[in-house]
Amino acid sequence: MGFISGYSIPQRPDSLFVWQVAVSEQARGFGLAAQMLAHILSRPECEGIHYLETTITPSNKSSWRLFRKVAEERTAELRVSDWLDEEQHFNGQHESEELLRIGPFNSIRRVS
């Protein structure tokens, strides 16, 4: 129904970079992406993660909603900065990307 790809940033081991979030069309609108991300952040391997980073195009409204929700739920600051420019980096072939950084926040471990 969905997947998230990402990695811990080697130079900043307290940061997780989310590369891609995908949810199948029939599963959209049920909060699956937020649930998957919360599950990832609750894993023991992510105990030291206190920042979340991703890039988003200005027009990707669903991703903006997701990451704003994550920041709000974790009562963490969401900072946005220019990252990849449409003309300079993509030769006008792709919309600009903005870098989001959420944090610091405390890792939340699930109790099984």
C-alpha atoms as a PDB file:
ATOM      1  CA  MET A   1       0.000   0.000   0.000  1.00  0.00           C
ATOM      2  CA  GLY A   2       2.969   2.315   0.560  1.00  0.00           C
ATOM      3  CA  PHE A   3       6.640   2.716   1.290  1.00  0.00           C
ATOM      4  CA  ILE A   4       9.171   5.227   2.533  1.00  0.00           C
ATOM      5  CA  SER A   5      12.826   5.292   1.554  1.00  0.00           C
ATOM      6  CA  GLY A   6      15.431   7.223   3.471  1.00  0.00           C
ATOM      7  CA  TYR A   7      18.768   7.052   5.219  1.00  0.00           C
ATOM      8  CA  SER A   8      20.654   8.309   8.236  1.00  0.00           C
ATOM      9  CA  ILE A   9      22.916  11.154   7.191  1.00  0.00           C
ATOM     10  CA  PRO A  10      26.514  10.002   7.824  1.00  0.00           C
ATOM     11  CA  GLN A  11      27.789  13.499   8.685  1.00  0.00           C
ATOM     12  CA  ARG A  12      24.837  14.081  11.035  1.00  0.00           C
ATOM     13  CA  PRO A  13      23.879  10.753  12.657  1.00  0.00           C
ATOM     14  CA  ASP A  14      21.048  12.468  14.571  1.00  0.00           C
ATOM     15  CA  SER A  15      19.296  13.201  11.252  1.00  0.00           C
ATOM     16  CA  LEU A  16      17.153  11.023   9.005  1.00  0.00           C
ATOM     17  CA  PHE A  17      16.766  12.065   5.382  1.00  0.00           C
ATOM     18  CA  VAL A  18      13.474  10.921   3.855  1.00  0.00           C
ATOM     19  CA  TRP A  19      14.086  10.401   0.159  1.00  0.00           C
ATOM     20  CA  GLN A  20      10.667   9.266  -1.009  1.00  0.00           C
ATOM     21  CA  VAL A  21       7.181   8.669   0.381  1.00  0.00           C
ATOM     22  CA  ALA A  22       4.677   6.778  -1.765  1.00  0.00           C
ATOM     23  CA  VAL A  23       1.142   5.656  -1.019  1.00  0.00           C
ATOM     24  CA  SER A  24      -1.014   3.807  -3.527  1.00  0.00           C
ATOM     25  CA  GLU A  25      -3.988   5.732  -4.838  1.00  0.00           C
ATOM     26  CA  GLN A  26      -6.553   3.522  -3.115  1.00  0.00           C
ATOM     27  CA  ALA A  27      -4.844   3.979   0.289  1.00  0.00           C
ATOM     28  CA  ARG A  28      -4.565   7.783   0.176  1.00  0.00           C
ATOM     29  CA  GLY A  29      -6.452   9.944   2.630  1.00  0.00           C
ATOM     30  CA  PHE A  30      -6.198   7.558   5.584  1.00  0.00           C
ATOM     31  CA  GLY A  31      -2.991   8.887   7.158  1.00  0.00           C
ATOM     32  CA  LEU A  32      -0.891   5.923   6.033  1.00  0.00           C
ATOM     33  CA  ALA A  33       2.193   8.013   5.205  1.00  0.00           C
ATOM     34  CA  ALA A  34       2.195   9.618   8.677  1.00  0.00           C
ATOM     35  CA  GLN A  35       1.721   6.203  10.295  1.00  0.00           C
ATOM     36  CA  MET A  36       4.606   4.698   8.318  1.00  0.00           C
ATOM     37  CA  LEU A  37       6.888   7.597   9.207  1.00  0.00           C
ATOM     38  CA  ALA A  38       5.936   7.387  12.901  1.00  0.00           C
ATOM     39  CA  HIS A  39       6.653   3.637  12.804  1.00  0.00           C
ATOM     40  CA  ILE A  40      10.093   4.213  11.300  1.00  0.00           C
ATOM     41  CA  LEU A  41      10.949   6.858  13.891  1.00  0.00           C
ATOM     42  CA  SER A  42       9.818   4.543  16.702  1.00  0.00           C
ATOM     43  CA  ARG A  43      12.290   1.811  15.740  1.00  0.00           C
ATOM     44  CA  PRO A  44      15.227   1.185  18.102  1.00  0.00           C
ATOM     45  CA  GLU A  45      17.607   2.007  15.232  1.00  0.00           C
ATOM     46  CA  CYS A  46      16.193   5.540  15.155  1.00  0.00           C
ATOM     47  CA  GLU A  47      16.495   6.196  18.887  1.00  0.00           C
ATOM     48  CA  GLY A  48      19.213   8.804  18.254  1.00  0.00           C
ATOM     49  CA  ILE A  49      17.305  10.571  15.473  1.00  0.00           C
ATOM     50  CA  HIS A  50      16.279  14.093  16.508  1.00  0.00           C
ATOM     51  CA  TYR A  51      15.951  15.722  13.076  1.00  0.00           C
ATOM     52  CA  LEU A  52      14.095  14.795   9.933  1.00  0.00           C
ATOM     53  CA  GLU A  53      15.062  16.214   6.532  1.00  0.00           C
ATOM     54  CA  THR A  54      13.473  15.977   3.111  1.00  0.00           C
ATOM     55  CA  THR A  55      13.115  17.957  -0.090  1.00  0.00           C
ATOM     56  CA  ILE A  56       9.752  18.945  -1.550  1.00  0.00           C
ATOM     57  CA  THR A  57       8.624  20.864  -4.606  1.00  0.00           C
ATOM     58  CA  PRO A  58       6.402  23.869  -3.820  1.00  0.00           C
ATOM     59  CA  SER A  59       3.442  22.280  -5.628  1.00  0.00           C
ATOM     60  CA  ASN A  60       3.487  18.951  -3.730  1.00  0.00           C
ATOM     61  CA  LYS A  61       0.658  19.764  -1.352  1.00  0.00           C
ATOM     62  CA  SER A  62       0.295  16.263   0.101  1.00  0.00           C
ATOM     63  CA  SER A  63       3.975  16.130   1.110  1.00  0.00           C
ATOM     64  CA  TRP A  64       3.745  19.589   2.667  1.00  0.00           C
ATOM     65  CA  ARG A  65       0.715  18.456   4.698  1.00  0.00           C
ATOM     66  CA  LEU A  66       2.523  15.306   5.815  1.00  0.00           C
ATOM     67  CA  PHE A  67       5.692  17.008   7.010  1.00  0.00           C
ATOM     68  CA  ARG A  68       3.851  19.918   8.632  1.00  0.00           C
ATOM     69  CA  LYS A  69       1.819  17.326  10.518  1.00  0.00           C
ATOM     70  CA  VAL A  70       4.988  15.522  11.604  1.00  0.00           C
ATOM     71  CA  ALA A  71       6.475  18.772  12.915  1.00  0.00           C
ATOM     72  CA  GLU A  72       3.251  19.658  14.711  1.00  0.00           C
ATOM     73  CA  GLU A  73       2.837  16.215  16.285  1.00  0.00           C
ATOM     74  CA  ARG A  74       6.403  16.310  17.571  1.00  0.00           C
ATOM     75  CA  THR A  75       6.165  19.988  18.576  1.00  0.00           C
ATOM     76  CA  ALA A  76       9.292  20.614  16.545  1.00  0.00           C
ATOM     77  CA  GLU A  77      10.406  23.542  14.440  1.00  0.00           C
ATOM     78  CA  LEU A  78      10.076  23.175  10.673  1.00  0.00           C
ATOM     79  CA  ARG A  79      12.680  25.169   8.749  1.00  0.00           C
ATOM     80  CA  VAL A  80      12.535  25.602   4.982  1.00  0.00           C
ATOM     81  CA  SER A  81      15.430  26.694   2.781  1.00  0.00           C
ATOM     82  CA  ASP A  82      16.117  26.848  -0.940  1.00  0.00           C
ATOM     83  CA  TRP A  83      17.830  23.697  -2.163  1.00  0.00           C
ATOM     84  CA  LEU A  84      17.769  22.889  -5.867  1.00  0.00           C
ATOM     85  CA  ASP A  85      16.780  25.585  -8.334  1.00  0.00           C
ATOM     86  CA  GLU A  86      14.606  24.788 -11.357  1.00  0.00           C
ATOM     87  CA  GLU A  87      16.892  26.613 -13.799  1.00  0.00           C
ATOM     88  CA  GLN A  88      20.296  26.248 -12.190  1.00  0.00           C
ATOM     89  CA  HIS A  89      20.042  22.557 -11.281  1.00  0.00           C
ATOM     90  CA  PHE A  90      17.329  21.153 -13.552  1.00  0.00           C
ATOM     91  CA  ASN A  91      17.723  23.257 -16.700  1.00  0.00           C
ATOM     92  CA  GLY A  92      14.039  24.175 -16.476  1.00  0.00           C
ATOM     93  CA  GLN A  93      12.978  20.515 -16.688  1.00  0.00           C
ATOM     94  CA  HIS A  94      11.885  20.029 -13.062  1.00  0.00           C
ATOM     95  CA  GLU A  95      10.349  22.213 -10.403  1.00  0.00           C
ATOM     96  CA  SER A  96      12.649  23.644  -7.730  1.00  0.00           C
ATOM     97  CA  GLU A  97      13.100  21.640  -4.543  1.00  0.00           C
ATOM     98  CA  GLU A  98      13.045  23.129  -1.060  1.00  0.00           C
ATOM     99  CA  LEU A  99      14.870  21.553   1.875  1.00  0.00           C
ATOM    100  CA  LEU A 100      12.827  20.948   5.026  1.00  0.00           C
ATOM    101  CA  ARG A 101      14.454  20.285   8.374  1.00  0.00           C
ATOM    102  CA  ILE A 102      12.246  19.312  11.300  1.00  0.00           C
ATOM    103  CA  GLY A 103      13.605  19.228  14.828  1.00  0.00           C
ATOM    104  CA  PRO A 104      14.918  18.804  17.295  1.00  0.00           C
ATOM    105  CA  PHE A 105      12.425  16.273  18.608  1.00  0.00           C
ATOM    106  CA  ASN A 106      12.651  13.317  20.930  1.00  0.00           C
ATOM    107  CA  SER A 107      12.507   9.859  19.476  1.00  0.00           C
ATOM    108  CA  ILE A 108       9.380   8.004  20.436  1.00  0.00           C
ATOM    109  CA  ARG A 109       9.815   4.307  21.085  1.00  0.00           C
ATOM    110  CA  ARG A 110       6.820   2.016  20.801  1.00  0.00           C
ATOM    111  CA  VAL A 111       6.011  -0.240  23.670  1.00  0.00           C
ATOM    112  CA  SER A 112       5.171  -3.705  22.336  1.00  0.00           C
END
